[in-house]
């Protein structure tokens, strides 16, 4: 056997080892989900080899007859799911979708407002000094939206006051707010879009909403409706609470159509991963059929897991509000250890979560590698068919690992047996 063949076999052994490992884990990463076999079939189609630069019917390349049909269907279904007048499914990720919004609605040097990273904001909305997409790539001046630590959402009154201060006529135009970005990476409760958007529009600013984490919950009509609440455009990734492959999309109420289209192409993408568009189209059929029931179960599961962990002695944030209205919960682990150490401990037991900064961590001297919290998401375990009772079981596994300090080798055996009953993807059309 040639060395090249041995190398290839080694690569596939690693892939197989990863898939075997995941099949025996409890996957609780809030950014992740799994696709159906039907979506995988679309991803593995010949579209993966092809190019289709440009808009539907206006391609730079020949041979686009069928991708035009697929993309048109995907646009139509996304429009129905989000009640949108304009849809662009060419962004290849949520990051690219956000950058398209910045490109379309701002100029370099403009001021934007968004949540800080410790308060749940994503690196795409971050400042220059943090390497954030908004600051370092687009050259925007980023101001932070005030955050209510107890309520775990934006402080409306403080935000309005800050917007008005930034818009004071005595300030230079570059300091006035051009864009307010709602949405977050840690996203427990709907954001006050309606309460703030009117003020932003009255001063000549625009409103965007990063739905990367909650797109499926919005499509399932179980979270909030940003386009009806005042958002001019909504960006998203398509694989967290949505059923699609890893890709991106933009939807709007009909404003900034030409600006957004031009920002995406030729601004940010060439070929836009046609197999992912096909996979997203297939995912839309599943979301139309099961989005409401899935989203409802996701939220019920997140609440149930929060309650079960709380009852076992964990400090789950926002207990007075039922812990969450989304797919996520956040746990303060500072009385036990730090988030990085807890993440590693759980991983040894085949429980996958991610460490996460708490809103007050930086002020208290903590670092993102060893923050005060962990973030837990239930999108994937819900897609695997788990319901409220299984959330109680998962909470008990977490307790045994973190609070009881049980031997991870022994715990893995029980988790492997538990996970054995949940290998099939639910909420999809194939038998």
Protein backbone atom coordinates (compact mmCIF):
# COMPACT_ATOMS: atom_id res chain seq x y z
CA UNK A 1 0.00 0.00 0.00
CA UNK A 2 1.36 3.44 -0.96
CA UNK A 3 2.13 6.04 1.65
CA UNK A 4 -0.56 8.26 0.16
CA UNK A 5 -3.15 5.52 0.54
CA UNK A 6 -2.07 4.91 4.12
CA UNK A 7 -2.40 8.62 4.80
CA UNK A 8 -5.89 8.68 3.31
CA UNK A 9 -6.96 5.65 5.33
CA UNK A 10 -5.63 7.36 8.43
CA UNK A 11 -7.74 10.43 7.66
CA UNK A 12 -10.89 8.34 7.33
CA UNK A 13 -10.11 6.49 10.54
CA UNK A 14 -10.05 9.88 12.28
CA UNK A 15 -13.39 10.84 10.69
CA UNK A 16 -14.91 7.54 11.78
CA UNK A 17 -13.52 7.93 15.30
CA UNK A 18 -15.10 11.39 15.54
CA UNK A 19 -18.48 10.13 14.36
CA UNK A 20 -18.37 7.22 16.78
CA UNK A 21 -17.48 9.58 19.61
CA UNK A 22 -20.33 11.97 18.81
CA UNK A 23 -22.81 9.08 18.62
CA UNK A 24 -21.96 8.22 22.23
CA UNK A 25 -22.06 11.79 23.58
CA UNK A 26 -24.77 14.07 24.89
CA UNK A 27 -24.32 17.03 22.50
CA UNK A 28 -25.26 20.28 24.26
CA UNK A 29 -23.32 22.86 22.22
CA UNK A 30 -25.81 25.68 21.61
CA UNK A 31 -24.28 26.51 18.19
CA UNK A 32 -24.70 23.01 16.81
CA UNK A 33 -27.42 20.78 15.39
CA UNK A 34 -27.67 17.82 13.04
CA UNK A 35 -29.22 17.52 9.58
CA UNK A 36 -31.54 14.90 8.20
CA UNK A 37 -30.49 12.29 5.64
CA UNK A 38 -32.42 14.26 3.02
CA UNK A 39 -30.33 17.37 3.65
CA UNK A 40 -27.16 15.27 3.55
CA UNK A 41 -28.24 13.90 0.18
CA UNK A 42 -28.53 17.44 -1.19
CA UNK A 43 -25.14 18.37 0.26
CA UNK A 44 -23.57 15.38 -1.45
CA UNK A 45 -25.04 16.22 -4.86
CA UNK A 46 -23.17 17.42 -7.93
CA UNK A 47 -23.97 20.99 -6.91
CA UNK A 48 -20.89 20.79 -4.67
CA UNK A 49 -18.72 20.93 -7.79
CA UNK A 50 -20.38 23.88 -9.56
CA UNK A 51 -20.28 27.67 -9.71
CA UNK A 52 -23.16 30.14 -9.98
CA UNK A 53 -21.87 33.64 -9.33
CA UNK A 54 -24.54 36.32 -9.31
CA UNK A 55 -28.29 36.45 -8.76
CA UNK A 56 -30.86 33.92 -9.97
CA UNK A 57 -31.26 34.32 -13.74
CA UNK A 58 -28.24 36.63 -13.91
CA UNK A 59 -25.39 34.15 -13.48
CA UNK A 60 -21.83 34.63 -14.62
CA UNK A 61 -21.50 30.92 -15.40
CA UNK A 62 -23.34 28.57 -17.74
CA UNK A 63 -25.00 25.38 -16.54
CA UNK A 64 -27.07 27.07 -13.82
CA UNK A 65 -30.57 26.04 -14.95
CA UNK A 66 -31.23 23.73 -12.03
CA UNK A 67 -29.47 25.65 -9.29
CA UNK A 68 -31.62 28.61 -10.35
CA UNK A 69 -34.70 26.45 -9.76
CA UNK A 70 -33.38 25.22 -6.40
CA UNK A 71 -32.36 28.69 -5.22
CA UNK A 72 -35.68 30.20 -6.32
CA UNK A 73 -37.56 27.56 -4.33
CA UNK A 74 -35.33 28.14 -1.32
CA UNK A 75 -36.00 31.90 -1.51
CA UNK A 76 -39.74 31.32 -1.81
CA UNK A 77 -39.87 29.04 1.24
CA UNK A 78 -37.63 31.27 3.34
CA UNK A 79 -39.89 34.19 2.44
CA UNK A 80 -42.91 32.25 3.71
CA UNK A 81 -41.18 31.09 6.88
CA UNK A 82 -40.01 34.57 7.89
CA UNK A 83 -42.73 36.70 6.31
CA UNK A 84 -40.03 38.47 4.29
CA UNK A 85 -40.31 40.46 1.06
CA UNK A 86 -36.64 39.90 0.23
CA UNK A 87 -34.44 36.85 0.83
CA UNK A 88 -30.81 36.24 -0.12
CA UNK A 89 -29.48 32.74 0.52
CA UNK A 90 -26.02 33.36 -0.95
CA UNK A 91 -24.10 34.29 2.25
CA UNK A 92 -21.99 31.26 3.07
CA UNK A 93 -22.18 31.76 6.86
CA UNK A 94 -23.74 33.88 9.54
CA UNK A 95 -20.52 35.88 9.76
CA UNK A 96 -20.69 36.71 6.05
CA UNK A 97 -24.38 37.60 6.41
CA UNK A 98 -23.54 40.06 9.19
CA UNK A 99 -20.72 41.57 7.16
CA UNK A 100 -23.13 42.00 4.26
CA UNK A 101 -25.42 44.01 6.56
CA UNK A 102 -22.54 46.25 7.62
CA UNK A 103 -21.46 46.69 4.00
CA UNK A 104 -24.97 47.60 2.85
CA UNK A 105 -26.02 49.87 5.72
CA UNK A 106 -22.84 51.56 6.97
CA UNK A 107 -19.65 53.23 5.88
CA UNK A 108 -16.26 52.76 7.46
CA UNK A 109 -16.03 54.98 10.53
CA UNK A 110 -19.75 54.93 11.30
CA UNK A 111 -21.01 54.16 14.81
CA UNK A 112 -22.96 50.98 15.57
CA UNK A 113 -24.46 49.66 18.78
CA UNK A 114 -24.60 46.03 19.88
CA UNK A 115 -24.10 43.89 22.95
CA UNK A 116 -20.62 43.36 24.36
CA UNK A 117 -19.24 39.85 24.19
CA UNK A 118 -19.53 39.20 27.97
CA UNK A 119 -23.20 40.23 27.72
CA UNK A 120 -23.81 37.76 24.91
CA UNK A 121 -22.68 39.67 21.84
CA UNK A 122 -20.96 37.81 19.01
CA UNK A 123 -17.45 38.54 17.77
CA UNK A 124 -18.96 39.71 14.47
CA UNK A 125 -20.37 42.74 16.29
CA UNK A 126 -17.14 43.37 18.21
CA UNK A 127 -14.76 46.28 18.46
CA UNK A 128 -11.53 46.78 16.53
CA UNK A 129 -9.30 45.99 19.49
CA UNK A 130 -11.03 42.62 19.91
CA UNK A 131 -10.61 41.69 16.26
CA UNK A 132 -14.37 41.88 15.76
CA UNK A 133 -15.84 41.83 12.28
CA UNK A 134 -17.60 45.18 12.76
CA UNK A 135 -14.53 46.97 14.07
CA UNK A 136 -11.51 45.26 12.55
CA UNK A 137 -12.96 44.25 9.16
CA UNK A 138 -15.52 46.96 8.43
CA UNK A 139 -13.85 49.75 10.41
CA UNK A 140 -16.93 50.63 12.47
CA UNK A 141 -16.92 52.36 15.83
CA UNK A 142 -18.79 50.05 18.19
CA UNK A 143 -20.72 51.27 21.22
CA UNK A 144 -22.28 48.78 23.62
CA UNK A 145 -25.97 48.45 24.36
CA UNK A 146 -26.58 48.57 28.15
CA UNK A 147 -27.46 45.17 29.58
CA UNK A 148 -29.63 44.22 32.55
CA UNK A 149 -27.71 41.47 34.37
CA UNK A 150 -30.72 40.24 36.31
CA UNK A 151 -33.18 40.15 33.42
CA UNK A 152 -30.50 38.89 31.00
CA UNK A 153 -31.56 41.19 28.19
CA UNK A 154 -31.03 44.74 26.93
CA UNK A 155 -31.90 47.54 29.35
CA UNK A 156 -34.43 49.54 27.33
CA UNK A 157 -34.36 52.81 29.25
CA UNK A 158 -30.58 52.91 29.49
CA UNK A 159 -30.24 52.01 25.81
CA UNK A 160 -32.58 54.81 24.72
CA UNK A 161 -30.68 57.27 26.87
CA UNK A 162 -27.35 56.24 25.37
CA UNK A 163 -28.70 56.44 21.81
CA UNK A 164 -29.99 59.96 22.46
CA UNK A 165 -26.66 60.99 23.98
CA UNK A 166 -24.74 59.64 20.99
CA UNK A 167 -27.13 61.43 18.65
CA UNK A 168 -26.69 64.81 20.34
CA UNK A 169 -26.43 67.51 17.67
CA UNK A 170 -23.19 68.78 19.18
CA UNK A 171 -21.39 65.54 18.33
CA UNK A 172 -19.63 65.01 15.03
CA UNK A 173 -21.73 63.00 12.54
CA UNK A 174 -19.44 59.95 12.73
CA UNK A 175 -20.36 59.51 16.40
CA UNK A 176 -24.10 59.38 15.76
CA UNK A 177 -25.71 55.95 15.69
CA UNK A 178 -26.08 54.57 12.16
CA UNK A 179 -26.98 50.98 13.01
CA UNK A 180 -28.28 49.15 16.08
CA UNK A 181 -27.72 45.40 16.03
CA UNK A 182 -30.00 43.14 18.07
CA UNK A 183 -29.39 39.43 18.55
CA UNK A 184 -26.66 37.61 20.42
CA UNK A 185 -24.62 34.47 20.91
CA UNK A 186 -25.92 34.06 24.47
CA UNK A 187 -29.60 34.64 23.81
CA UNK A 188 -32.04 33.58 26.52
CA UNK A 189 -34.91 36.02 25.94
CA UNK A 190 -36.34 38.05 23.03
CA UNK A 191 -34.72 41.42 22.57
CA UNK A 192 -36.68 44.70 22.86
CA UNK A 193 -36.67 45.49 19.14
CA UNK A 194 -40.08 47.15 19.14
CA UNK A 195 -39.23 49.30 22.17
CA UNK A 196 -36.03 50.73 20.63
CA UNK A 197 -36.45 50.58 16.83
CA UNK A 198 -38.76 53.60 16.61
CA UNK A 199 -36.20 55.82 18.30
CA UNK A 200 -33.40 54.53 16.06
CA UNK A 201 -35.42 55.21 12.92
CA UNK A 202 -36.40 58.66 14.15
CA UNK A 203 -32.74 59.70 14.28
CA UNK A 204 -32.01 58.32 10.81
CA UNK A 205 -30.46 55.05 11.94
CA UNK A 206 -31.25 51.51 10.88
CA UNK A 207 -31.93 48.29 12.78
CA UNK A 208 -30.58 44.82 12.10
CA UNK A 209 -31.19 41.58 13.95
CA UNK A 210 -28.67 38.74 14.14
CA UNK A 211 -30.86 35.63 14.28
CA UNK A 212 -28.01 33.14 14.00
CA UNK A 213 -29.06 31.29 17.15
CA UNK A 214 -32.82 31.72 17.02
CA UNK A 215 -33.71 31.58 13.31
CA UNK A 216 -35.50 28.25 13.71
CA UNK A 217 -37.45 29.49 16.73
CA UNK A 218 -38.51 32.58 14.76
CA UNK A 219 -39.50 30.48 11.75
CA UNK A 220 -41.45 28.22 14.12
CA UNK A 221 -43.31 31.26 15.50
CA UNK A 222 -42.15 30.57 19.06
CA UNK A 223 -39.72 33.41 19.83
CA UNK A 224 -40.25 36.90 18.37
CA UNK A 225 -40.91 38.42 14.94
CA UNK A 226 -38.13 40.96 14.32
CA UNK A 227 -39.28 42.15 10.90
CA UNK A 228 -42.71 43.07 12.29
CA UNK A 229 -41.14 44.64 15.39
CA UNK A 230 -38.98 47.14 13.51
CA UNK A 231 -35.87 45.38 12.19
CA UNK A 232 -34.95 46.50 8.69
CA UNK A 233 -32.95 43.37 7.94
CA UNK A 234 -32.32 40.06 9.66
CA UNK A 235 -29.15 38.01 9.22
CA UNK A 236 -28.75 34.39 10.22
CA UNK A 237 -26.85 31.18 10.08
CA UNK A 238 -29.00 28.22 9.10
CA UNK A 239 -27.91 25.34 11.30
CA UNK A 240 -28.41 26.10 15.01
CA UNK A 241 -32.14 26.04 15.62
CA UNK A 242 -32.88 25.88 11.88
CA UNK A 243 -32.67 22.49 10.14
CA UNK A 244 -30.15 23.41 7.48
CA UNK A 245 -26.49 22.82 6.80
CA UNK A 246 -23.92 25.37 7.89
CA UNK A 247 -24.67 28.37 5.67
CA UNK A 248 -26.10 31.89 5.95
CA UNK A 249 -29.02 34.02 4.79
CA UNK A 250 -30.47 37.52 4.80
CA UNK A 251 -34.14 38.46 4.95
CA UNK A 252 -35.73 41.89 4.98
CA UNK A 253 -39.06 43.68 4.82
CA UNK A 254 -38.18 44.99 1.36
CA UNK A 255 -35.77 47.76 2.33
CA UNK A 256 -32.17 47.89 1.08
CA UNK A 257 -32.68 45.14 -1.48
CA UNK A 258 -30.16 46.42 -4.01
CA UNK A 259 -27.65 47.36 -1.32
CA UNK A 260 -27.81 43.89 0.26
CA UNK A 261 -27.60 42.06 -3.06
CA UNK A 262 -24.57 44.07 -4.12
CA UNK A 263 -22.92 43.59 -0.72
CA UNK A 264 -23.21 39.83 -1.03
CA UNK A 265 -22.08 39.66 -4.68
CA UNK A 266 -19.68 40.88 -5.84
CA UNK A 267 -18.76 42.23 -2.41
CA UNK A 268 -18.39 39.16 -0.22
CA UNK A 269 -18.94 35.90 -2.07
CA UNK A 270 -18.01 34.47 -5.42
CA UNK A 271 -19.47 30.99 -5.69
CA UNK A 272 -21.85 30.57 -2.78
CA UNK A 273 -21.60 26.83 -2.03
CA UNK A 274 -24.47 25.58 -4.17
CA UNK A 275 -24.79 22.25 -2.42
CA UNK A 276 -25.42 24.11 0.84
CA UNK A 277 -28.16 26.13 -0.87
CA UNK A 278 -29.73 22.86 -2.03
CA UNK A 279 -29.44 21.49 1.50
CA UNK A 280 -31.03 24.63 2.89
CA UNK A 281 -33.93 24.31 0.46
CA UNK A 282 -34.56 20.76 1.65
CA UNK A 283 -34.30 21.95 5.24
CA UNK A 284 -36.97 24.56 4.54
CA UNK A 285 -39.45 21.82 3.63
CA UNK A 286 -38.77 20.21 7.02
CA UNK A 287 -39.05 23.52 8.83
CA UNK A 288 -42.40 24.21 7.15
CA UNK A 289 -43.65 20.80 8.24
CA UNK A 290 -42.18 20.60 11.75
CA UNK A 291 -40.82 24.04 12.68
CA UNK A 292 -43.59 24.92 15.10
CA UNK A 293 -43.62 21.61 16.97
CA UNK A 294 -39.84 21.40 17.06
CA UNK A 295 -39.36 24.97 18.30
CA UNK A 296 -42.00 24.50 20.98
CA UNK A 297 -40.27 21.31 22.18
CA UNK A 298 -36.86 23.00 22.15
CA UNK A 299 -38.05 25.75 24.49
CA UNK A 300 -39.86 23.28 26.75
CA UNK A 301 -36.70 21.16 26.91
CA UNK A 302 -34.49 24.14 27.73
CA UNK A 303 -36.81 25.19 30.55
CA UNK A 304 -36.98 21.62 31.85
CA UNK A 305 -33.20 21.24 31.83
CA UNK A 306 -32.79 24.58 33.60
CA UNK A 307 -35.28 23.53 36.27
CA UNK A 308 -33.70 20.10 36.74
CA UNK A 309 -30.22 21.58 37.12
CA UNK A 310 -31.52 24.24 39.52
CA UNK A 311 -33.16 21.56 41.66
CA UNK A 312 -29.83 19.72 41.84
CA UNK A 313 -28.01 22.71 43.23
CA UNK A 314 -26.71 24.52 40.14
CA UNK A 315 -26.91 28.30 39.84
CA UNK A 316 -28.89 28.61 36.60
CA UNK A 317 -29.33 32.23 35.56
CA UNK A 318 -32.76 33.91 35.30
CA UNK A 319 -34.57 31.43 37.53
CA UNK A 320 -37.23 34.07 38.26
CA UNK A 321 -38.08 34.16 34.52
CA UNK A 322 -38.19 30.41 33.98
CA UNK A 323 -34.50 30.33 32.98
CA UNK A 324 -35.02 30.88 29.25
CA UNK A 325 -37.37 31.43 26.31
CA UNK A 326 -34.91 30.00 23.77
CA UNK A 327 -32.80 26.89 23.20
CA UNK A 328 -30.15 27.95 25.72
CA UNK A 329 -29.54 28.11 29.43
CA UNK A 330 -26.55 29.62 31.24
CA UNK A 331 -25.10 28.27 34.47
CA UNK A 332 -22.88 30.23 36.88
CA UNK A 333 -20.27 27.72 38.08
CA UNK A 334 -18.05 30.09 40.08
CA UNK A 335 -18.95 28.44 43.38
CA UNK A 336 -17.78 25.09 41.98
CA UNK A 337 -14.85 25.89 39.69
CA UNK A 338 -14.46 27.84 36.45
CA UNK A 339 -16.21 27.29 33.13
CA UNK A 340 -13.14 26.02 31.29
CA UNK A 341 -12.41 23.39 33.91
CA UNK A 342 -16.07 22.30 34.07
CA UNK A 343 -16.20 22.06 30.27
CA UNK A 344 -13.21 19.70 30.24
CA UNK A 345 -14.57 17.63 33.11
CA UNK A 346 -17.88 17.13 31.33
CA UNK A 347 -16.15 16.32 28.04
CA UNK A 348 -14.28 13.46 29.71
CA UNK A 349 -17.70 12.04 30.61
CA UNK A 350 -18.97 12.50 27.01
CA UNK A 351 -21.11 15.55 27.81
CA UNK A 352 -20.37 18.41 25.41
CA UNK A 353 -21.04 21.99 26.58
CA UNK A 354 -19.05 25.18 26.13
CA UNK A 355 -17.50 27.52 28.65
CA UNK A 356 -18.96 31.01 28.48
CA UNK A 357 -18.31 34.46 29.90
CA UNK A 358 -20.92 35.77 32.29
CA UNK A 359 -21.91 39.45 31.87
CA UNK A 360 -19.90 40.48 34.94
CA UNK A 361 -16.87 38.23 34.41
CA UNK A 362 -14.45 40.78 32.92
CA UNK A 363 -15.19 43.24 35.72
CA UNK A 364 -14.40 40.49 38.22
CA UNK A 365 -11.10 39.63 36.52
CA UNK A 366 -12.05 36.43 34.71
CA UNK A 367 -10.87 35.42 31.24
CA UNK A 368 -12.69 33.71 28.36
CA UNK A 369 -10.53 30.60 28.75
CA UNK A 370 -11.62 30.27 32.38
CA UNK A 371 -14.90 32.18 32.63
CA UNK A 372 -17.56 31.98 35.29
CA UNK A 373 -20.18 30.16 33.25
CA UNK A 374 -21.14 27.40 30.90
CA UNK A 375 -23.68 27.68 28.10
CA UNK A 376 -25.94 24.70 27.38
CA UNK A 377 -28.13 24.26 24.30
CA UNK A 378 -30.81 21.67 23.59
CA UNK A 379 -31.31 22.06 19.82
CA UNK A 380 -29.49 18.87 18.89
CA UNK A 381 -30.79 16.59 21.63
CA UNK A 382 -34.31 17.74 20.75
CA UNK A 383 -33.71 16.86 17.10
CA UNK A 384 -32.62 13.43 18.33
CA UNK A 385 -36.06 12.94 19.88
CA UNK A 386 -35.44 13.82 23.51
CA UNK A 387 -38.14 15.50 25.60
CA UNK A 388 -38.60 16.82 29.14
CA UNK A 389 -37.92 13.54 30.93
CA UNK A 390 -34.63 13.13 29.11
CA UNK A 391 -33.66 16.63 30.28
CA UNK A 392 -34.00 15.39 33.85
CA UNK A 393 -31.75 12.46 32.98
CA UNK A 394 -29.18 14.82 31.44
CA UNK A 395 -29.24 17.06 34.50
CA UNK A 396 -28.53 14.03 36.66
CA UNK A 397 -25.56 13.07 34.46
CA UNK A 398 -24.18 16.62 34.76
CA UNK A 399 -24.63 16.52 38.55
CA UNK A 400 -22.82 13.20 38.78
CA UNK A 401 -19.88 14.64 36.85
CA UNK A 402 -19.64 18.15 38.28
CA UNK A 403 -21.02 17.97 41.82
CA UNK A 404 -20.46 14.31 42.69
CA UNK A 405 -17.09 14.12 40.88
CA UNK A 406 -17.91 10.63 39.65
CA UNK A 407 -15.28 8.69 37.71
CA UNK A 408 -15.76 9.75 34.06
CA UNK A 409 -14.99 6.23 32.82
CA UNK A 410 -17.96 4.86 34.75
CA UNK A 411 -20.18 7.76 33.75
CA UNK A 412 -19.37 7.29 30.06
CA UNK A 413 -20.73 3.75 30.22
CA UNK A 414 -24.11 4.98 31.46
CA UNK A 415 -24.17 7.86 28.96
CA UNK A 416 -23.34 5.51 26.09
CA UNK A 417 -26.28 3.32 27.08
CA UNK A 418 -28.57 6.35 27.44
CA UNK A 419 -27.56 7.77 24.07
CA UNK A 420 -28.07 4.40 22.37
CA UNK A 421 -31.81 5.03 22.36
CA UNK A 422 -31.40 8.36 20.53
CA UNK A 423 -29.63 7.83 17.22
CA UNK A 424 -32.39 8.71 14.79
CA UNK A 425 -33.11 12.22 13.53
CA UNK A 426 -36.64 13.42 14.31
CA UNK A 427 -38.74 16.21 12.77
CA UNK A 428 -37.95 15.22 9.18
CA UNK A 429 -39.95 13.88 6.25
CA UNK A 430 -38.17 10.62 5.40
CA UNK A 431 -39.13 7.34 7.04
